Amino acid sequence: MLLDLNDPESILAWWRVFPERHDGLLEHKLRLSPEFAPAIREAQRRIAGSEELQGMLARSVTQRRVHEASQAERVSRMSSVEMLRRELVTA
């Protein structure tokens, strides 16, 4: 996907791919690259004004939290030997 930071429609299409992560990245890009501020602010205005897009963001956040909770539960059930093996594999 190509992202045109001068085009609010392009920004919205990109944002929809991963709302939770891209929402924060828009804020970051706004601070780093003020030349894109008009298009980014317009995209943010559309996101804030759309129930559909706000719902996408809420579902994305919920999915991440559910995933993190299931991972934490899985890790808590691991034996110390399994945890050590996992650490060694990822090192």
Protein backbone atom coordinates (compact mmCIF):
# COMPACT_ATOMS: atom_id res chain seq x y z
CA MET A 1 0.00 0.00 0.00
CA LEU A 2 1.27 3.44 -0.88
CA LEU A 3 0.60 6.20 1.62
CA ASP A 4 0.30 9.79 0.42
CA LEU A 5 0.54 12.01 3.49
CA ASN A 6 -0.82 14.92 1.49
CA ASP A 7 -4.10 13.11 0.82
CA PRO A 8 -6.62 12.54 3.65
CA GLU A 9 -8.26 9.69 1.68
CA SER A 10 -4.93 7.88 1.39
CA ILE A 11 -4.31 8.40 5.10
CA LEU A 12 -7.74 6.99 5.96
CA ALA A 13 -7.20 3.92 3.76
CA TRP A 14 -3.87 3.29 5.51
CA TRP A 15 -5.36 3.93 8.97
CA ARG A 16 -8.10 1.34 8.40
CA VAL A 17 -5.48 -1.42 7.99
CA PHE A 18 -4.39 -1.24 11.65
CA PRO A 19 -6.37 1.51 13.45
CA GLU A 20 -4.82 1.13 16.88
CA ARG A 21 -1.22 1.36 15.72
CA HIS A 22 -1.78 3.83 12.90
CA ASP A 23 -3.74 6.21 15.13
CA GLY A 24 -0.64 6.74 17.28
CA LEU A 25 1.62 6.89 14.25
CA LEU A 26 -0.44 9.75 12.84
CA GLU A 27 0.17 11.75 16.02
CA HIS A 28 3.87 10.96 15.82
CA LYS A 29 4.08 11.96 12.15
CA LEU A 30 2.21 15.17 12.89
CA ARG A 31 4.90 16.17 15.39
CA LEU A 32 7.80 15.14 13.16
CA SER A 33 6.53 16.44 9.83
CA PRO A 34 4.35 19.53 10.20
CA GLU A 35 4.27 19.93 6.42
CA PHE A 36 1.69 17.11 6.38
CA ALA A 37 -0.42 18.65 9.15
CA PRO A 38 -3.38 19.80 7.02
CA ALA A 39 -4.02 16.35 5.52
CA ILE A 40 -3.34 14.49 8.77
CA ARG A 41 -5.65 16.79 10.75
CA GLU A 42 -8.38 16.36 8.13
CA ALA A 43 -8.05 12.58 8.36
CA GLN A 44 -8.14 12.76 12.17
CA ARG A 45 -11.24 14.98 11.99
CA ARG A 46 -12.96 12.40 9.79
CA ILE A 47 -11.95 9.56 12.11
CA ALA A 48 -13.22 11.41 15.18
CA GLY A 49 -16.51 12.23 13.44
CA SER A 50 -17.25 8.73 12.19
CA GLU A 51 -18.96 6.16 14.39
CA GLU A 52 -17.80 3.44 12.00
CA LEU A 53 -14.13 4.43 12.27
CA GLN A 54 -14.34 4.90 16.04
CA GLY A 55 -15.82 1.40 16.22
CA MET A 56 -12.92 0.04 14.17
CA LEU A 57 -10.48 1.66 16.58
CA ALA A 58 -12.30 0.27 19.63
CA ARG A 59 -12.38 -3.25 18.15
CA SER A 60 -8.68 -3.05 17.30
CA VAL A 61 -7.81 -2.04 20.86
CA THR A 62 -10.03 -4.81 22.26
CA GLN A 63 -8.43 -7.44 20.01
CA ARG A 64 -4.96 -6.40 21.20
CA ARG A 65 -6.00 -6.58 24.84
CA VAL A 66 -7.57 -10.02 24.41
CA HIS A 67 -4.43 -11.25 22.63
CA GLU A 68 -2.15 -9.87 25.35
CA ALA A 69 -4.31 -11.43 28.08
CA SER A 70 -4.25 -14.84 26.38
CA GLN A 71 -0.47 -14.61 25.97
CA ALA A 72 -0.03 -13.67 29.63
CA GLU A 73 -2.24 -16.59 30.68
CA ARG A 74 -0.28 -18.98 28.46
CA VAL A 75 3.04 -17.80 29.90
CA SER A 76 1.74 -18.08 33.46
CA ARG A 77 0.94 -21.76 32.82
CA MET A 78 4.44 -22.54 31.55
CA SER A 79 6.82 -24.41 33.79
CA SER A 80 10.14 -22.81 34.63
CA VAL A 81 11.89 -25.25 32.27
CA GLU A 82 9.58 -24.28 29.40
CA MET A 83 10.16 -20.59 30.11
CA LEU A 84 13.94 -21.07 30.14
CA ARG A 85 13.79 -23.02 26.87
CA ARG A 86 11.66 -20.27 25.30
CA GLU A 87 14.15 -17.60 26.41
CA LEU A 88 17.08 -19.57 25.00
CA VAL A 89 15.33 -20.08 21.65
CA THR A 90 14.58 -16.37 21.26
CA ALA A 91 18.00 -15.20 22.41
